[in-house]
């Protein structure tokens, strides 16, 4: 179910009979046609166990199931919206950044420590992003929210990308992440840039970075 970008802060989705999509509650701005919006109680395509896992992890952002025949315009809080097209891999993103996504995508939850060990846990504490993240897997489209514009940076073997943790939005592919420190003597005396921690992503895939260090 493709999204059409109306502007940097609004997208339009086409809803057709027999298909469904999910959106964050409060994200619908307007719609045309015969479209229904119902609270999602089963955790999206991932089912009941996916819902339970997200609630335990604190990643259970309320979702609406969108069905029918028509078009729906989405936006939320004046945030910039980035549409990500998925072709069978897995997207890792915080639940509160999800604006809307195809119902064909399987939703789950991953413990960040499983990617970065102890440092993955430290990352959650330092960045405020939490120890868990939401996963979406399959073929379809996802609309995510961010502050300012978003750039997609490719990640290739032997060429890791270092990101300010507060500017991180999402990533996909076979990617490992770890938190590294750039703490030096300038930081110790209070004259550094404040960017003492960096998120290092390595492997094969891409990371999405926002033009701000502010969380939603």
Protein backbone atom coordinates (compact mmCIF):
# COMPACT_ATOMS: atom_id res chain seq x y z
CA UNK A 1 0.00 0.00 0.00
CA UNK A 2 2.09 2.92 -1.25
CA UNK A 3 2.36 6.31 0.44
CA UNK A 4 2.30 9.50 -1.58
CA UNK A 5 4.23 12.35 -0.05
CA UNK A 6 2.03 15.48 -0.06
CA UNK A 7 4.75 17.59 1.55
CA UNK A 8 7.51 17.06 4.09
CA UNK A 9 4.99 16.70 6.94
CA UNK A 10 2.04 14.90 5.33
CA UNK A 11 1.57 11.66 3.41
CA UNK A 12 -1.43 10.13 1.69
CA UNK A 13 -2.15 6.40 1.63
CA UNK A 14 -4.51 4.51 -0.66
CA UNK A 15 -6.69 1.97 1.16
CA UNK A 16 -8.22 -0.84 -0.92
CA UNK A 17 -10.68 -3.60 0.02
CA UNK A 18 -9.07 -6.75 1.38
CA UNK A 19 -5.94 -4.96 2.57
CA UNK A 20 -5.21 -3.08 5.78
CA UNK A 21 -2.64 -0.81 7.27
CA UNK A 22 -1.73 0.38 10.75
CA UNK A 23 -1.24 3.93 11.99
CA UNK A 24 -0.39 5.63 15.23
CA UNK A 25 -3.49 6.83 17.05
CA UNK A 26 -4.12 10.49 16.34
CA UNK A 27 -2.17 10.41 13.06
CA UNK A 28 -5.19 10.62 10.73
CA UNK A 29 -5.64 14.16 9.40
CA UNK A 30 -8.37 13.61 6.78
CA UNK A 31 -9.77 10.89 4.54
CA UNK A 32 -11.96 10.29 1.51
CA UNK A 33 -14.17 7.28 0.83
CA UNK A 34 -15.45 4.45 3.00
CA UNK A 35 -12.61 3.97 5.51
CA UNK A 36 -12.77 2.63 9.06
CA UNK A 37 -10.37 3.14 11.96
CA UNK A 38 -10.44 0.66 14.84
CA UNK A 39 -8.12 0.21 17.84
CA UNK A 40 -5.62 -2.57 17.22
CA UNK A 41 -5.64 -5.11 20.05
CA UNK A 42 -3.60 -7.97 18.58
CA UNK A 43 -0.21 -6.40 17.94
CA UNK A 44 -0.46 -5.88 14.18
CA UNK A 45 0.77 -8.59 11.83
CA UNK A 46 2.88 -10.06 14.64
CA UNK A 47 -0.20 -11.21 16.55
CA UNK A 48 -0.92 -11.46 20.26
CA UNK A 49 2.58 -12.53 21.31
CA UNK A 50 4.03 -9.56 19.47
CA UNK A 51 1.68 -7.25 21.36
CA UNK A 52 2.60 -8.80 24.72
CA UNK A 53 6.30 -8.52 23.91
CA UNK A 54 5.97 -4.84 23.04
CA UNK A 55 4.02 -4.05 26.20
CA UNK A 56 6.64 -5.74 28.36
CA UNK A 57 9.37 -3.87 26.48
CA UNK A 58 7.59 -0.52 26.75
CA UNK A 59 7.30 -0.34 22.95
CA UNK A 60 3.50 -0.58 22.82
CA UNK A 61 2.56 2.68 21.10
CA UNK A 62 -1.23 2.54 20.49
CA UNK A 63 -2.09 1.62 16.90
CA UNK A 64 -5.20 1.89 14.75
CA UNK A 65 -6.20 -0.61 12.07
CA UNK A 66 -7.16 1.20 8.86
CA UNK A 67 -9.40 -0.64 6.36
CA UNK A 68 -11.89 0.07 3.61
CA UNK A 69 -11.81 1.82 0.25
CA UNK A 70 -10.46 5.35 -0.06
CA UNK A 71 -7.50 7.58 0.71
CA UNK A 72 -6.17 8.74 4.08
CA UNK A 73 -3.87 11.65 4.89
CA UNK A 74 -1.50 11.18 7.82
CA UNK A 75 0.66 13.54 9.86
CA UNK A 76 1.47 14.10 13.52
CA UNK A 77 2.79 17.00 15.57
CA UNK A 78 4.21 18.80 12.56
CA UNK A 79 7.06 16.29 12.39
CA UNK A 80 8.98 15.59 9.19
CA UNK A 81 7.88 12.30 7.58
CA UNK A 82 10.20 9.89 5.82
CA UNK A 83 8.78 7.04 3.72
CA UNK A 84 10.93 3.90 3.74
CA UNK A 85 10.34 1.20 1.11
CA UNK A 86 11.09 -2.31 2.32
CA UNK A 87 12.00 -5.22 0.05
CA UNK A 88 12.10 -8.19 2.40
CA UNK A 89 14.59 -7.10 5.05
CA UNK A 90 14.02 -5.88 8.63
CA UNK A 91 13.64 -2.28 9.77
CA UNK A 92 14.61 -1.35 13.34
CA UNK A 93 12.81 1.73 14.65
CA UNK A 94 11.39 3.10 17.89
CA UNK A 95 7.64 2.58 18.16
CA UNK A 96 6.90 6.25 18.84
CA UNK A 97 8.50 7.18 15.48
CA UNK A 98 6.03 5.02 13.52
CA UNK A 99 3.38 7.09 11.78
CA UNK A 100 1.85 4.39 9.56
CA UNK A 101 2.87 1.17 7.80
CA UNK A 102 1.60 -1.57 5.53
CA UNK A 103 -0.41 -4.34 7.17
CA UNK A 104 1.65 -6.89 5.25
CA UNK A 105 4.69 -6.14 7.41
CA UNK A 106 5.35 -8.37 10.41
CA UNK A 107 5.86 -6.40 13.60
CA UNK A 108 8.01 -7.53 16.52
CA UNK A 109 10.30 -6.37 19.34
CA UNK A 110 14.04 -6.83 19.76
CA UNK A 111 16.21 -6.40 22.84
CA UNK A 112 18.96 -3.98 21.83
CA UNK A 113 21.46 -5.70 24.10
CA UNK A 114 21.29 -8.72 21.80
CA UNK A 115 22.92 -6.63 19.06
CA UNK A 116 25.46 -4.76 21.11
CA UNK A 117 25.87 -6.88 24.26
CA UNK A 118 26.42 -4.81 27.38
CA UNK A 119 27.11 -1.77 25.22
CA UNK A 120 23.69 -2.18 23.64
CA UNK A 121 22.19 -1.85 27.10
CA UNK A 122 24.37 1.16 27.86
CA UNK A 123 23.20 2.73 24.59
CA UNK A 124 19.59 2.52 25.72
CA UNK A 125 20.35 4.18 29.02
CA UNK A 126 22.57 6.94 27.62
CA UNK A 127 20.50 7.86 24.56
CA UNK A 128 17.10 7.57 26.19
CA UNK A 129 15.95 5.32 23.34
CA UNK A 130 15.25 2.40 25.66
CA UNK A 131 16.63 -1.12 25.75
CA UNK A 132 14.13 -2.41 23.18
CA UNK A 133 13.21 -1.40 19.65
CA UNK A 134 10.38 -2.26 17.25
CA UNK A 135 11.07 -4.37 14.17
CA UNK A 136 9.14 -4.46 10.90
CA UNK A 137 9.91 -7.20 8.39
CA UNK A 138 8.73 -7.99 4.87
CA UNK A 139 7.71 -6.11 1.73
CA UNK A 140 5.90 -2.81 1.98
CA UNK A 141 6.23 0.81 3.04
CA UNK A 142 6.72 2.54 6.38
CA UNK A 143 6.22 6.22 7.23
CA UNK A 144 8.41 7.32 10.14
CA UNK A 145 8.60 10.68 11.95
CA UNK A 146 11.66 12.78 12.67
CA UNK A 147 12.76 16.32 13.51
CA UNK A 148 13.84 18.14 10.37
CA UNK A 149 14.88 16.33 7.22
CA UNK A 150 16.15 12.76 7.09
CA UNK A 151 19.12 11.40 5.16
CA UNK A 152 19.77 7.75 4.33
CA UNK A 153 23.41 6.74 4.81
CA UNK A 154 24.56 3.42 3.29
CA UNK A 155 26.50 1.01 5.49
CA UNK A 156 28.99 -1.27 3.74
CA UNK A 157 31.36 -4.01 5.04
CA UNK A 158 34.52 -2.39 6.35
CA UNK A 159 32.95 1.09 6.17
CA UNK A 160 31.00 1.65 9.40
CA UNK A 161 28.92 4.78 9.96
CA UNK A 162 29.16 6.78 13.20
CA UNK A 163 25.99 8.60 14.24
CA UNK A 164 25.09 10.91 17.09
CA UNK A 165 22.69 8.69 19.09
CA UNK A 166 20.15 11.51 19.41
CA UNK A 167 20.09 11.95 15.62
CA UNK A 168 19.47 8.23 14.96
CA UNK A 169 16.04 7.44 13.48
CA UNK A 170 16.12 3.85 12.18
CA UNK A 171 18.23 1.31 10.31
CA UNK A 172 17.75 -1.77 8.17
CA UNK A 173 19.80 -4.64 6.84
CA UNK A 174 22.37 -6.93 8.41
CA UNK A 175 23.74 -4.27 10.75
CA UNK A 176 25.49 -4.43 14.11
CA UNK A 177 25.45 -1.47 16.45
CA UNK A 178 27.56 -0.50 19.42
CA UNK A 179 28.08 2.58 21.52
CA UNK A 180 31.55 4.08 21.46
CA UNK A 181 32.96 7.04 23.31
CA UNK A 182 34.79 10.01 21.91
CA UNK A 183 35.56 11.35 25.38
CA UNK A 184 38.78 13.30 25.44
CA UNK A 185 40.49 15.89 27.58
CA UNK A 186 38.38 18.68 26.10
CA UNK A 187 35.24 16.96 27.36
CA UNK A 188 36.84 16.45 30.73
CA UNK A 189 37.35 20.20 31.18
CA UNK A 190 33.94 21.07 29.75
CA UNK A 191 35.11 22.58 26.46
CA UNK A 192 34.14 19.74 24.13
CA UNK A 193 31.26 19.63 21.69
CA UNK A 194 29.19 17.47 24.00
CA UNK A 195 29.22 14.59 21.49
CA UNK A 196 30.96 12.24 23.90
CA UNK A 197 29.09 9.16 22.64
CA UNK A 198 28.70 7.85 19.11
CA UNK A 199 26.59 5.04 17.74
CA UNK A 200 28.70 2.88 15.43
CA UNK A 201 26.79 0.84 12.83
CA UNK A 202 28.64 -1.75 10.79
CA UNK A 203 27.75 -4.49 8.33
CA UNK A 204 25.54 -4.10 5.27
CA UNK A 205 22.46 -1.91 5.12
CA UNK A 206 21.54 1.71 5.77
CA UNK A 207 20.86 4.07 8.65
CA UNK A 208 18.43 7.00 8.68
CA UNK A 209 19.62 10.16 10.44
CA UNK A 210 17.55 13.24 11.29
CA UNK A 211 18.69 16.84 11.07
CA UNK A 212 18.33 17.39 14.81
CA UNK A 213 19.51 15.98 18.12
CA UNK A 214 16.03 16.31 19.61
CA UNK A 215 13.84 13.28 20.38
CA UNK A 216 10.17 13.20 19.48
